[in-house]
C-alpha atoms as a PDB file:
ATOM      1  CA  GLN A   1      44.072  22.985 -56.408  1.00  0.00           C
ATOM      2  CA  VAL A   2      40.954  22.524 -54.468  1.00  0.00           C
ATOM      3  CA  GLN A   3      39.001  19.197 -54.779  1.00  0.00           C
ATOM      4  CA  LEU A   4      35.396  18.859 -53.368  1.00  0.00           C
ATOM      5  CA  VAL A   5      33.935  15.581 -51.937  1.00  0.00           C
ATOM      6  CA  GLU A   6      30.279  15.786 -51.053  1.00  0.00           C
ATOM      7  CA  SER A   7      28.295  13.513 -48.688  1.00  0.00           C
ATOM      8  CA  GLY A   8      25.126  13.290 -46.530  1.00  0.00           C
ATOM      9  CA  GLY A   9      22.575  12.588 -49.217  1.00  0.00           C
ATOM     10  CA  GLY A  10      19.971  10.030 -49.064  1.00  0.00           C
ATOM     11  CA  LEU A  11      16.251   9.377 -48.728  1.00  0.00           C
ATOM     12  CA  VAL A  12      14.171  11.053 -46.234  1.00  0.00           C
ATOM     13  CA  GLN A  13      10.511  11.774 -45.649  1.00  0.00           C
ATOM     14  CA  ALA A  14       8.485  14.912 -46.180  1.00  0.00           C
ATOM     15  CA  GLY A  15       9.176  17.041 -43.112  1.00  0.00           C
ATOM     16  CA  GLY A  16      12.327  15.474 -42.451  1.00  0.00           C
ATOM     17  CA  SER A  17      15.852  16.815 -42.055  1.00  0.00           C
ATOM     18  CA  LEU A  18      19.248  16.093 -43.740  1.00  0.00           C
ATOM     19  CA  ARG A  19      22.907  17.625 -43.649  1.00  0.00           C
ATOM     20  CA  LEU A  20      24.939  17.800 -46.609  1.00  0.00           C
ATOM     21  CA  SER A  21      28.848  18.245 -46.355  1.00  0.00           C
ATOM     22  CA  CYS A  22      31.579  19.427 -48.773  1.00  0.00           C
ATOM     23  CA  ALA A  23      34.697  18.803 -47.696  1.00  0.00           C
ATOM     24  CA  ALA A  24      37.782  21.007 -49.543  1.00  0.00           C
ATOM     25  CA  SER A  25      41.102  19.482 -49.832  1.00  0.00           C
ATOM     26  CA  GLY A  26      44.079  21.315 -51.130  1.00  0.00           C
ATOM     27  CA  SER A  27      44.428  25.077 -50.608  1.00  0.00           C
ATOM     28  CA  THR A  28      41.353  26.614 -49.401  1.00  0.00           C
ATOM     29  CA  PHE A  29      42.641  30.332 -48.371  1.00  0.00           C
ATOM     30  CA  SER A  30      40.158  33.070 -49.150  1.00  0.00           C
ATOM     31  CA  ILE A  31      37.926  31.209 -51.639  1.00  0.00           C
ATOM     32  CA  GLU A  32      35.457  33.798 -52.828  1.00  0.00           C
ATOM     33  CA  ILE A  33      32.260  31.698 -53.059  1.00  0.00           C
ATOM     34  CA  MET A  34      31.133  28.207 -51.698  1.00  0.00           C
ATOM     35  CA  GLY A  35      27.684  27.278 -52.645  1.00  0.00           C
ATOM     36  CA  TRP A  36      24.934  24.585 -53.059  1.00  0.00           C
ATOM     37  CA  TYR A  37      23.118  24.207 -56.550  1.00  0.00           C
ATOM     38  CA  ARG A  38      20.831  21.357 -57.350  1.00  0.00           C
ATOM     39  CA  GLN A  39      19.554  19.758 -60.413  1.00  0.00           C
ATOM     40  CA  ALA A  40      16.116  17.969 -60.559  1.00  0.00           C
ATOM     41  CA  PRO A  41      15.045  15.666 -63.214  1.00  0.00           C
ATOM     42  CA  GLY A  42      14.269  17.603 -66.462  1.00  0.00           C
ATOM     43  CA  LYS A  43      15.015  21.147 -65.029  1.00  0.00           C
ATOM     44  CA  GLN A  44      18.171  23.260 -65.125  1.00  0.00           C
ATOM     45  CA  ARG A  45      20.553  23.518 -62.249  1.00  0.00           C
ATOM     46  CA  GLU A  46      19.758  26.332 -59.843  1.00  0.00           C
ATOM     47  CA  ALA A  47      21.301  27.947 -56.849  1.00  0.00           C
ATOM     48  CA  VAL A  48      20.260  26.762 -53.634  1.00  0.00           C
ATOM     49  CA  ALA A  49      22.485  28.585 -51.301  1.00  0.00           C
ATOM     50  CA  ILE A  50      25.605  30.568 -51.392  1.00  0.00           C
ATOM     51  CA  SER A  51      28.112  31.895 -49.330  1.00  0.00           C
ATOM     52  CA  TYR A  52      30.657  34.502 -50.014  1.00  0.00           C
ATOM     53  CA  LYS A  53      33.669  35.678 -48.763  1.00  0.00           C
ATOM     54  CA  SER A  54      32.555  38.784 -47.175  1.00  0.00           C
ATOM     55  CA  GLY A  55      29.993  36.909 -45.249  1.00  0.00           C
ATOM     56  CA  MET A  56      26.983  37.579 -47.115  1.00  0.00           C
ATOM     57  CA  VAL A  57      24.728  34.841 -47.996  1.00  0.00           C
ATOM     58  CA  ASN A  58      21.828  34.198 -50.343  1.00  0.00           C
ATOM     59  CA  TYR A  59      19.120  31.443 -50.563  1.00  0.00           C
ATOM     60  CA  ALA A  60      16.875  30.791 -53.110  1.00  0.00           C
ATOM     61  CA  ASP A  61      13.040  32.007 -51.958  1.00  0.00           C
ATOM     62  CA  SER A  62      12.170  28.260 -52.217  1.00  0.00           C
ATOM     63  CA  VAL A  63      14.392  27.550 -49.389  1.00  0.00           C
ATOM     64  CA  LYS A  64      14.700  30.610 -46.964  1.00  0.00           C
ATOM     65  CA  GLY A  65      13.849  29.668 -43.650  1.00  0.00           C
ATOM     66  CA  ARG A  66      14.240  25.885 -44.250  1.00  0.00           C
ATOM     67  CA  PHE A  67      18.014  25.680 -45.390  1.00  0.00           C
ATOM     68  CA  THR A  68      21.063  26.955 -43.720  1.00  0.00           C
ATOM     69  CA  ILE A  69      24.554  27.157 -45.088  1.00  0.00           C
ATOM     70  CA  SER A  70      27.538  27.061 -43.039  1.00  0.00           C
ATOM     71  CA  ARG A  71      31.405  26.670 -42.926  1.00  0.00           C
ATOM     72  CA  ASP A  72      33.700  25.268 -40.650  1.00  0.00           C
ATOM     73  CA  ASN A  73      37.136  26.644 -41.600  1.00  0.00           C
ATOM     74  CA  ALA A  74      38.993  24.363 -39.073  1.00  0.00           C
ATOM     75  CA  LYS A  75      37.735  21.460 -41.152  1.00  0.00           C
ATOM     76  CA  ASN A  76      37.624  23.101 -44.651  1.00  0.00           C
ATOM     77  CA  THR A  77      34.086  22.020 -44.865  1.00  0.00           C
ATOM     78  CA  VAL A  78      30.807  23.708 -46.068  1.00  0.00           C
ATOM     79  CA  TYR A  79      27.255  22.409 -44.670  1.00  0.00           C
ATOM     80  CA  LEU A  80      23.992  22.336 -45.936  1.00  0.00           C
ATOM     81  CA  GLN A  81      21.260  21.912 -43.242  1.00  0.00           C
ATOM     82  CA  MET A  82      18.366  21.115 -44.943  1.00  0.00           C
ATOM     83  CA  ASN A  83      14.956  21.238 -42.489  1.00  0.00           C
ATOM     84  CA  SER A  84      11.363  20.752 -43.325  1.00  0.00           C
ATOM     85  CA  LEU A  85      12.279  18.899 -46.436  1.00  0.00           C
ATOM     86  CA  LYS A  86       9.626  18.763 -49.184  1.00  0.00           C
ATOM     87  CA  PRO A  87       8.965  16.456 -52.275  1.00  0.00           C
ATOM     88  CA  GLU A  88      10.117  19.477 -54.585  1.00  0.00           C
ATOM     89  CA  ASP A  89      13.474  19.424 -53.054  1.00  0.00           C
ATOM     90  CA  THR A  90      14.348  15.781 -54.298  1.00  0.00           C
ATOM     91  CA  ALA A  91      17.514  16.658 -56.610  1.00  0.00           C
ATOM     92  CA  VAL A  92      21.049  16.133 -57.352  1.00  0.00           C
ATOM     93  CA  TYR A  93      22.737  18.510 -55.087  1.00  0.00           C
ATOM     94  CA  TYR A  94      26.344  19.925 -55.970  1.00  0.00           C
ATOM     95  CA  CYS A  95      28.860  21.760 -53.949  1.00  0.00           C
ATOM     96  CA  ARG A  96      30.459  24.504 -55.869  1.00  0.00           C
ATOM     97  CA  ALA A  97      33.694  26.749 -54.921  1.00  0.00           C
ATOM     98  CA  ALA A  98      34.804  29.746 -57.063  1.00  0.00           C
ATOM     99  CA  SER A  99      37.351  32.136 -56.791  1.00  0.00           C
ATOM    100  CA  GLY A 100      38.015  33.257 -60.313  1.00  0.00           C
ATOM    101  CA  TRP A 101      38.259  29.830 -61.287  1.00  0.00           C
ATOM    102  CA  THR A 102      35.352  27.086 -60.420  1.00  0.00           C
ATOM    103  CA  ILE A 103      35.332  23.609 -59.138  1.00  0.00           C
ATOM    104  CA  TRP A 104      32.183  21.342 -58.563  1.00  0.00           C
ATOM    105  CA  GLY A 105      31.809  18.590 -56.334  1.00  0.00           C
ATOM    106  CA  GLN A 106      30.845  15.109 -57.716  1.00  0.00           C
ATOM    107  CA  GLY A 107      27.010  15.643 -56.598  1.00  0.00           C
ATOM    108  CA  THR A 108      24.769  13.834 -54.106  1.00  0.00           C
ATOM    109  CA  GLN A 109      21.425  12.324 -54.488  1.00  0.00           C
ATOM    110  CA  VAL A 110      18.587  13.845 -51.971  1.00  0.00           C
ATOM    111  CA  THR A 111      15.109  12.233 -52.422  1.00  0.00           C
ATOM    112  CA  VAL A 112      12.169  13.373 -50.323  1.00  0.00           C
ATOM    113  CA  SER A 113       9.332  11.249 -50.430  1.00  0.00           C
ATOM    114  CA  SER A 114       5.495  12.393 -49.525  1.00  0.00           C
END
């Protein structure tokens, strides 16, 4: 079964950029959904960027134009490029893969200072 390992979190200043990576091991053939979620302290986990097998992508309104989700199928890795970061982007970011089943990465902390 697929396992997800996240990396790339850290502390950045407002306006900066960060790229999160989520490496999938095991069988990754025809995964229906690969997405990024985040959870800030005291808030519910929310979808940030979702990539579908069809090629469609969805972004939360709060990150449109700033974040980009992409996949490198050769490396079995999904990325989240985050630009123009804001303090409100501070959260733990989780990678999720779903194909009927659901599996989550361990989460990586992103902190944006003002």
